[in-house]
Protein backbone atom coordinates (compact mmCIF):
# COMPACT_ATOMS: atom_id res chain seq x y z
CA MET A 1 -22.66 -32.02 -10.61
CA ASN A 2 -20.40 -35.19 -10.42
CA LYS A 3 -21.75 -36.55 -13.63
CA GLU A 4 -21.12 -33.22 -15.60
CA ILE A 5 -17.43 -33.16 -14.89
CA LYS A 6 -15.07 -34.96 -17.20
CA TYR A 7 -11.47 -35.09 -16.37
CA LYS A 8 -8.28 -36.75 -17.08
CA MET A 9 -6.57 -39.09 -14.62
CA ILE A 10 -4.80 -36.27 -12.72
CA ASN A 11 -5.24 -32.56 -12.95
CA ARG A 12 -2.47 -30.43 -11.34
CA ILE A 13 -2.62 -26.78 -10.21
CA TRP A 14 0.35 -24.96 -8.62
CA PHE A 15 -0.18 -21.99 -6.10
CA MET A 16 3.14 -20.08 -5.89
CA GLU A 17 3.97 -17.75 -2.97
CA SER A 18 1.08 -15.60 -1.96
CA PHE A 19 -0.13 -13.45 0.85
CA SER A 20 -2.04 -14.48 3.91
CA SER A 21 -5.01 -16.04 1.93
CA GLN A 22 -2.88 -18.76 0.24
CA ARG A 23 -3.67 -21.29 2.94
CA ASP A 24 -7.38 -20.61 2.73
CA ILE A 25 -7.32 -20.74 -1.14
CA ILE A 26 -5.51 -24.11 -1.14
CA LEU A 27 -7.89 -25.70 1.45
CA ALA A 28 -11.00 -24.39 -0.35
CA VAL A 29 -9.75 -25.86 -3.70
CA LYS A 30 -9.06 -29.22 -2.06
CA ASP A 31 -12.45 -29.22 -0.35
CA PHE A 32 -14.27 -28.46 -3.50
CA ALA A 33 -12.43 -31.30 -5.29
CA LYS A 34 -13.14 -33.75 -2.55
CA LYS A 35 -16.80 -32.96 -2.27
CA ASN A 36 -17.28 -33.23 -6.10
CA HIS A 37 -15.04 -36.37 -6.42
CA VAL A 38 -12.68 -34.66 -8.82
CA LYS A 39 -9.13 -35.94 -8.84
CA ILE A 40 -6.58 -33.13 -8.66
CA GLU A 41 -3.14 -32.66 -7.17
CA VAL A 42 -2.34 -29.33 -5.63
CA PHE A 43 1.23 -28.02 -5.51
CA ALA A 44 2.20 -25.09 -3.26
CA SER A 45 5.40 -23.23 -2.98
CA HIS A 46 6.84 -20.36 -0.96
CA ARG A 47 10.27 -18.73 -0.46
CA GLU A 48 10.08 -19.33 3.22
CA ASN A 49 9.33 -22.67 4.96
CA ARG A 50 5.74 -21.68 5.71
CA LYS A 51 4.58 -25.02 7.06
CA GLU A 52 1.18 -23.79 7.92
CA ILE A 53 0.67 -23.13 4.13
CA LEU A 54 2.79 -25.76 2.50
CA SER A 55 1.44 -28.61 4.55
CA THR A 56 -2.07 -28.14 3.09
CA ALA A 57 -0.86 -29.14 -0.37
CA ASP A 58 -0.31 -32.59 -1.88
CA PHE A 59 3.22 -31.49 -2.77
CA SER A 60 5.22 -28.56 -1.42
CA ILE A 61 8.28 -26.76 -2.82
CA ILE A 62 10.68 -24.07 -1.48
CA GLU A 63 11.08 -21.45 -4.18
CA PRO A 64 14.48 -19.80 -4.94
CA SER A 65 15.08 -16.53 -3.33
CA GLU A 66 16.79 -14.86 -6.41
CA GLU A 67 14.83 -13.57 -9.20
CA THR A 68 17.49 -14.69 -11.76
CA GLN A 69 16.63 -18.27 -10.89
CA ARG A 70 12.82 -18.01 -11.02
CA LEU A 71 12.18 -18.78 -14.73
CA SER A 72 14.38 -21.88 -14.89
CA PHE A 73 12.84 -23.07 -11.53
CA ILE A 74 9.30 -22.62 -12.78
CA THR A 75 9.90 -24.24 -16.22
CA LYS A 76 11.63 -27.24 -14.51
CA VAL A 77 8.71 -27.84 -12.03
CA ILE A 78 6.03 -27.43 -14.78
CA THR A 79 7.83 -29.77 -17.14
CA GLN A 80 8.83 -32.39 -14.53
CA TYR A 81 5.35 -32.61 -12.88
CA LYS A 82 3.22 -31.75 -15.81
CA ILE A 83 1.56 -28.82 -14.11
CA ASP A 84 -1.66 -27.68 -15.86
CA VAL A 85 -2.36 -24.36 -14.15
CA LEU A 86 0.13 -21.94 -12.54
CA TYR A 87 -1.54 -19.47 -10.25
CA VAL A 88 0.51 -16.49 -9.07
CA VAL A 89 -0.26 -13.48 -6.79
CA LYS A 90 3.08 -11.89 -6.05
CA ASN A 91 5.45 -10.36 -8.63
CA THR A 92 2.76 -10.71 -11.11
CA LEU A 93 4.39 -7.94 -13.40
CA TRP A 94 7.42 -10.15 -13.74
CA TYR A 95 5.20 -13.18 -14.68
CA GLU A 96 3.26 -11.11 -17.25
CA GLN A 97 6.59 -9.96 -18.78
CA HIS A 98 7.64 -13.69 -19.03
CA ARG A 99 4.19 -15.02 -20.02
CA HIS A 100 5.34 -16.27 -23.39
CA GLU A 101 8.26 -18.35 -22.03
CA ILE A 102 6.16 -19.78 -19.22
CA GLU A 103 3.08 -20.73 -21.32
CA ALA A 104 5.43 -22.26 -23.87
CA THR A 105 5.59 -25.12 -21.37
CA GLY A 106 1.92 -25.84 -21.88
CA VAL A 107 0.79 -24.39 -18.64
CA THR A 108 -2.13 -21.90 -18.18
CA LEU A 109 -0.77 -18.84 -16.33
CA ILE A 110 -3.14 -16.92 -14.04
CA THR A 111 -1.98 -13.61 -12.66
CA GLY A 112 -5.25 -11.78 -11.97
CA ALA A 113 -4.87 -9.71 -15.12
CA SER A 114 -5.19 -10.12 -18.83
CA ASN A 115 -3.62 -6.75 -19.75
CA ILE A 116 -0.18 -5.94 -18.58
CA ASP A 117 -0.83 -2.14 -18.84
CA LEU A 118 -3.90 -2.41 -16.68
CA LEU A 119 -1.97 -4.66 -14.25
CA LYS A 120 0.72 -1.81 -13.86
CA LEU A 121 -2.21 0.75 -13.39
CA SER A 122 -3.76 -1.12 -10.68
CA ASN A 123 -0.63 -0.88 -8.60
CA ASN A 124 -0.85 2.95 -8.82
CA LYS A 125 -3.72 4.39 -6.82
CA MET A 126 -3.57 7.71 -8.50
CA ASP A 127 -3.59 6.29 -12.03
CA PHE A 128 -6.37 3.90 -11.01
CA ALA A 129 -8.62 6.74 -9.85
CA LEU A 130 -7.95 8.67 -13.24
CA PHE A 131 -8.66 5.56 -15.29
CA MET A 132 -11.96 4.96 -13.40
CA GLU A 133 -13.01 8.53 -14.09
CA GLN A 134 -12.35 8.00 -17.80
CA GLN A 135 -14.52 4.86 -17.51
CA GLN A 136 -17.25 7.03 -15.94
CA LEU A 137 -17.16 4.94 -12.80
CA PRO A 138 -17.69 6.70 -9.44
CA VAL A 139 -14.32 6.82 -7.70
CA VAL A 140 -12.89 8.64 -4.72
CA PRO A 141 -11.66 12.09 -5.68
CA SER A 142 -7.86 12.00 -5.49
CA ILE A 143 -5.14 14.61 -5.46
CA LEU A 144 -1.48 13.71 -6.06
CA ILE A 145 0.89 14.92 -3.42
CA ASP A 146 4.61 14.61 -4.41
CA ASN A 147 6.10 17.56 -2.74
CA VAL A 148 5.94 19.52 0.52
CA GLU A 149 4.51 22.72 -1.02
CA GLU A 150 1.53 20.74 -2.58
CA LEU A 151 0.69 19.16 0.81
CA GLN A 152 1.08 22.46 2.64
CA LYS A 153 -1.32 24.15 0.27
CA ASN A 154 -4.02 21.40 0.55
CA ILE A 155 -3.77 21.49 4.34
CA ALA A 156 -4.12 25.21 4.47
CA HIS A 157 -7.09 25.11 2.08
CA PRO A 158 -8.71 21.72 2.45
CA PRO A 159 -10.36 20.47 -0.71
CA PHE A 160 -12.66 18.19 1.21
CA ASP A 161 -14.46 18.21 4.46
CA LYS A 162 -12.38 15.43 6.07
CA LEU A 163 -8.99 14.61 4.68
CA CYS A 164 -7.07 11.32 4.52
CA ILE A 165 -3.81 10.36 2.83
CA LYS A 166 -2.09 7.24 1.69
CA PRO A 167 0.93 6.24 -0.48
CA VAL A 168 0.45 5.81 -4.22
CA TYR A 169 1.96 2.40 -3.95
CA GLY A 170 1.24 0.02 -1.13
CA ILE A 171 -0.86 -2.80 0.26
CA TYR A 172 -2.70 -3.64 3.53
CA GLY A 173 -3.51 0.04 4.09
CA MET A 174 0.23 0.62 5.10
CA GLY A 175 0.83 4.33 5.31
CA PHE A 176 -2.84 5.30 5.54
CA TRP A 177 -3.70 8.30 7.82
CA ARG A 178 -6.64 10.36 8.68
CA PHE A 179 -6.06 14.06 9.21
CA GLU A 180 -7.59 15.31 12.59
CA ASN A 181 -7.07 18.78 13.86
CA ASN A 182 -8.07 18.21 17.42
CA ILE A 183 -6.03 15.24 18.67
CA SER A 184 -2.85 15.07 20.69
CA PRO A 185 0.38 14.98 18.62
CA PHE A 186 1.27 11.94 20.74
CA ARG A 187 -1.72 10.03 19.37
CA ILE A 188 0.34 8.57 16.54
CA LEU A 189 2.45 6.84 19.11
CA SER A 190 -0.02 6.01 21.92
CA ASN A 191 -2.82 4.93 19.56
CA PRO A 192 -1.36 4.28 15.96
CA GLU A 193 -4.01 1.65 15.02
CA GLU A 194 -6.69 4.44 14.89
CA ARG A 195 -4.67 6.00 12.01
CA GLY A 196 -5.23 9.49 13.27
CA ILE A 197 -2.70 12.30 12.98
CA ARG A 198 -2.67 16.08 13.08
CA PRO A 199 -2.03 17.52 9.58
CA ASP A 200 0.72 19.80 10.83
CA ILE A 201 2.57 16.91 12.42
CA PHE A 202 2.18 14.94 9.23
CA LEU A 203 3.54 17.83 7.24
CA GLN A 204 6.64 18.15 9.59
CA LEU A 205 7.42 14.47 9.12
CA TYR A 206 6.84 14.60 5.31
CA ALA A 207 9.27 17.56 5.04
CA THR A 208 12.06 15.48 6.59
CA LEU A 209 12.10 13.06 3.53
CA LYS A 210 14.97 13.57 1.21
CA GLN A 211 12.85 12.09 -1.62
CA PRO A 212 9.13 12.75 -0.94
CA THR A 213 7.03 9.61 -1.18
CA PRO A 214 4.17 10.13 -3.73
CA MET A 215 0.93 10.27 -1.78
CA VAL A 216 -2.73 10.50 -2.62
CA LEU A 217 -4.87 12.96 -0.73
CA MET A 218 -8.63 12.07 -0.58
CA PRO A 219 -11.76 12.81 1.34
CA TYR A 220 -12.29 10.37 4.36
CA LEU A 221 -15.45 8.45 3.50
CA TYR A 222 -18.18 6.98 5.50
CA SER A 223 -19.27 3.40 6.34
CA PRO A 224 -19.87 0.82 5.29
CA GLU A 225 -16.92 -0.42 3.33
CA SER A 226 -17.54 -3.23 0.83
CA SER A 227 -14.87 -5.75 -0.11
CA VAL A 228 -15.90 -7.70 -3.15
CA ASP A 229 -14.12 -10.87 -4.07
CA ILE A 230 -14.53 -11.53 -7.84
CA PHE A 231 -13.83 -14.46 -10.06
CA ALA A 232 -13.44 -13.01 -13.65
CA SER A 233 -12.16 -14.50 -16.91
CA LYS A 234 -10.54 -11.98 -19.17
CA GLY A 235 -12.81 -9.19 -17.92
CA GLU A 236 -16.00 -11.22 -17.75
CA VAL A 237 -17.32 -11.58 -14.26
CA LEU A 238 -18.40 -15.09 -13.69
CA CYS A 239 -19.24 -14.85 -10.02
CA ALA A 240 -18.65 -12.39 -7.12
CA ILE A 241 -19.31 -12.14 -3.41
CA ALA A 242 -19.41 -8.88 -1.42
CA ARG A 243 -18.57 -8.54 2.27
CA GLU A 244 -20.14 -5.39 3.72
CA LYS A 245 -18.14 -4.46 6.75
CA HIS A 246 -19.90 -3.01 9.82
CA GLY A 247 -17.23 -3.00 12.48
CA SER A 248 -16.23 -6.51 13.34
CA LYS A 249 -19.33 -7.92 11.57
CA GLN A 250 -19.51 -8.61 7.90
CA ILE A 251 -22.59 -9.09 5.81
CA ILE A 252 -22.20 -11.39 2.84
CA ARG A 253 -24.26 -10.49 -0.18
CA ASN A 254 -24.34 -10.67 -4.02
CA GLU A 255 -26.31 -7.75 -4.87
CA GLY A 256 -26.51 -3.96 -4.29
CA VAL A 257 -25.02 -0.72 -5.74
CA ALA A 258 -21.52 -1.39 -4.35
CA PHE A 259 -21.53 -5.08 -5.53
CA GLU A 260 -22.49 -3.98 -9.16
CA LEU A 261 -19.91 -1.11 -9.17
CA ALA A 262 -17.18 -3.52 -8.01
CA CYS A 263 -18.05 -5.90 -10.97
CA ARG A 264 -17.99 -3.09 -13.53
CA CYS A 265 -14.59 -2.07 -12.16
CA ALA A 266 -13.19 -5.64 -12.60
CA SER A 267 -14.58 -5.76 -16.15
CA ALA A 268 -12.98 -2.46 -16.98
CA MET A 269 -9.72 -3.60 -15.64
CA GLN A 270 -9.95 -6.85 -17.65
CA ALA A 271 -9.45 -8.98 -14.56
CA ASP A 272 -8.61 -12.67 -14.97
CA GLY A 273 -8.69 -14.91 -11.95
CA LEU A 274 -9.58 -14.00 -8.42
CA VAL A 275 -9.45 -10.25 -7.68
CA ASN A 276 -10.73 -7.92 -4.97
CA VAL A 277 -12.48 -4.56 -5.37
CA GLN A 278 -13.05 -2.21 -2.38
CA THR A 279 -15.72 0.56 -2.12
CA ARG A 280 -16.80 2.92 0.57
CA ASN A 281 -19.71 5.30 0.76
CA ASP A 282 -19.69 9.06 0.39
CA LYS A 283 -21.77 11.36 2.66
CA ASP A 284 -24.90 10.77 0.50
CA GLY A 285 -24.63 7.01 0.97
CA GLN A 286 -23.39 6.26 -2.52
CA PRO A 287 -20.45 3.88 -2.95
CA LEU A 288 -17.27 5.08 -4.55
CA LEU A 289 -14.38 2.91 -5.68
CA LEU A 290 -11.44 2.83 -3.38
CA GLU A 291 -9.06 0.45 -5.22
CA ILE A 292 -8.77 -2.92 -7.09
CA ASN A 293 -6.27 -5.59 -6.09
CA MET A 294 -5.57 -8.00 -8.91
CA ARG A 295 -5.38 -10.70 -6.35
CA PRO A 296 -7.67 -12.26 -3.84
CA SER A 297 -8.39 -10.45 -0.46
CA GLY A 298 -6.96 -11.65 2.84
CA GLY A 299 -10.55 -12.35 3.91
CA ILE A 300 -11.56 -14.43 0.93
CA GLY A 301 -11.98 -17.42 3.30
CA ASN A 302 -14.96 -15.76 4.73
CA THR A 303 -16.78 -15.92 1.55
CA LEU A 304 -17.17 -19.70 1.87
CA HIS A 305 -19.94 -18.98 4.33
CA SER A 306 -22.04 -17.98 1.35
CA GLY A 307 -22.09 -21.59 0.22
CA VAL A 308 -20.11 -20.66 -2.80
CA ASN A 309 -16.42 -21.74 -3.04
CA LEU A 310 -14.91 -19.14 -5.33
CA PRO A 311 -11.33 -20.54 -5.22
CA GLY A 312 -12.81 -23.98 -6.04
CA LEU A 313 -14.74 -22.70 -8.98
CA MET A 314 -11.79 -20.65 -10.27
CA ALA A 315 -9.51 -23.74 -10.07
CA MET A 316 -11.99 -26.10 -11.75
CA TYR A 317 -12.63 -23.61 -14.49
CA HIS A 318 -8.93 -23.10 -15.39
CA LEU A 319 -8.41 -26.84 -15.19
CA LYS A 320 -11.06 -27.16 -17.79
CA LEU A 321 -13.28 -29.28 -15.51
CA LEU A 322 -16.02 -26.68 -15.52
CA ASN A 323 -17.30 -24.27 -18.16
CA LYS A 324 -18.69 -20.80 -17.70
CA THR A 325 -22.22 -21.96 -17.81
CA GLN A 326 -21.56 -24.59 -15.04
CA VAL A 327 -19.66 -22.08 -12.89
CA GLN A 328 -22.43 -19.64 -13.12
CA ALA A 329 -25.16 -22.24 -12.52
CA LEU A 330 -23.29 -23.53 -9.39
CA TYR A 331 -22.85 -19.95 -8.06
CA LYS A 332 -26.57 -19.20 -8.37
CA GLN A 333 -27.55 -22.58 -6.91
CA HIS A 334 -25.49 -22.33 -3.74
CA PHE A 335 -25.26 -18.66 -2.84
CA LYS A 336 -26.95 -17.66 0.37
CA TYR A 337 -26.98 -14.55 2.44
CA ALA A 338 -24.92 -14.68 5.58
CA GLU A 339 -23.44 -12.61 8.44
CA VAL A 340 -20.06 -13.45 9.92
CA ILE A 341 -17.61 -12.13 12.47
CA SER A 342 -13.98 -12.91 12.74
CA THR A 343 -12.70 -14.63 15.70
CA SER A 344 -9.13 -15.50 16.86
CA SER A 345 -7.99 -19.09 16.46
CA VAL A 346 -4.85 -21.26 16.53
CA ILE A 347 -3.78 -23.98 14.13
CA GLN A 348 -1.24 -26.80 14.58
CA TYR A 349 1.04 -27.76 11.77
CA PRO A 350 3.68 -30.58 11.36
CA ASN A 351 7.27 -30.17 12.60
CA ASN A 352 8.44 -31.53 9.23
CA LEU A 353 6.93 -31.40 5.78
CA THR A 354 6.29 -34.86 4.43
CA ASN A 355 5.01 -33.47 1.10
CA LEU A 356 8.14 -31.53 0.34
CA ILE A 357 9.82 -32.21 -3.05
CA THR A 358 13.36 -31.17 -4.06
CA ILE A 359 14.02 -29.35 -7.33
């Protein structure tokens, strides 16, 4: 591979504030570059002094906390340090709205999306379900709940065998609950991590809201759940890795019905960058789409056990060090089936950031 890569003296990519996977992505990109003797410099920034993340980059920056300062900050960094690729995960709608001004600096902006309307749609679980139905892709049946009367009606006459509910907007499964008729009302306090609640208790609590939170009522599905991390370019899936979850164990594969469904979803959503699609099986064992996140998953670091470095391939592609053919060839050459399990670990990070630059 080394002979195939042609590069300028220094190629620079900037990873702005992200979620928990920012550290794993930076380390993966740097490892890929080192193994393939590619000279790049990685910039990382965050609004907080997250040393465990920022210390992994060649250069680190503290982002301004005010949105009004964001555009001038970004353009200054890009211009001063000649950044080639800007990769963002948070506040992506703002970046899409300012894409013209940002890319006028000569940088390539990656937000996970190539269509602003589909980016907005991806953040709304109800709209996403309706759009997937229009695309004739199997998706979890969803009912919008935005008032007490609608919730009461569906609890009294359940539309599905087992019910669950979650907010229309949200990440990390926050606000997700399974309805169970035969559990103690105290269960939500004594064992909240199981996400079980009696429907009448949920109804009482929901009725206390002055402004009801829009929720999505769905059937509670069966295992396994698949989380598919995908590298796509303007809707074209270049490579993808599925993690099929069985309790604490995950099976890493690149085939199967759930895998293919996730790839079709990413294409329909015109994904651009690293995205994640989740599916879960119905009672007949057929996968249904749960959601798409136009960003990498928190567990993307686990996919490295497949032998394929998705963040590395993504970075090299957007830095124009690899083309589509080379990316897909490396993916096919190195992918291997694997089984992994998450374990707890501790990392040490420096007291002071020696790579911090002031803007």
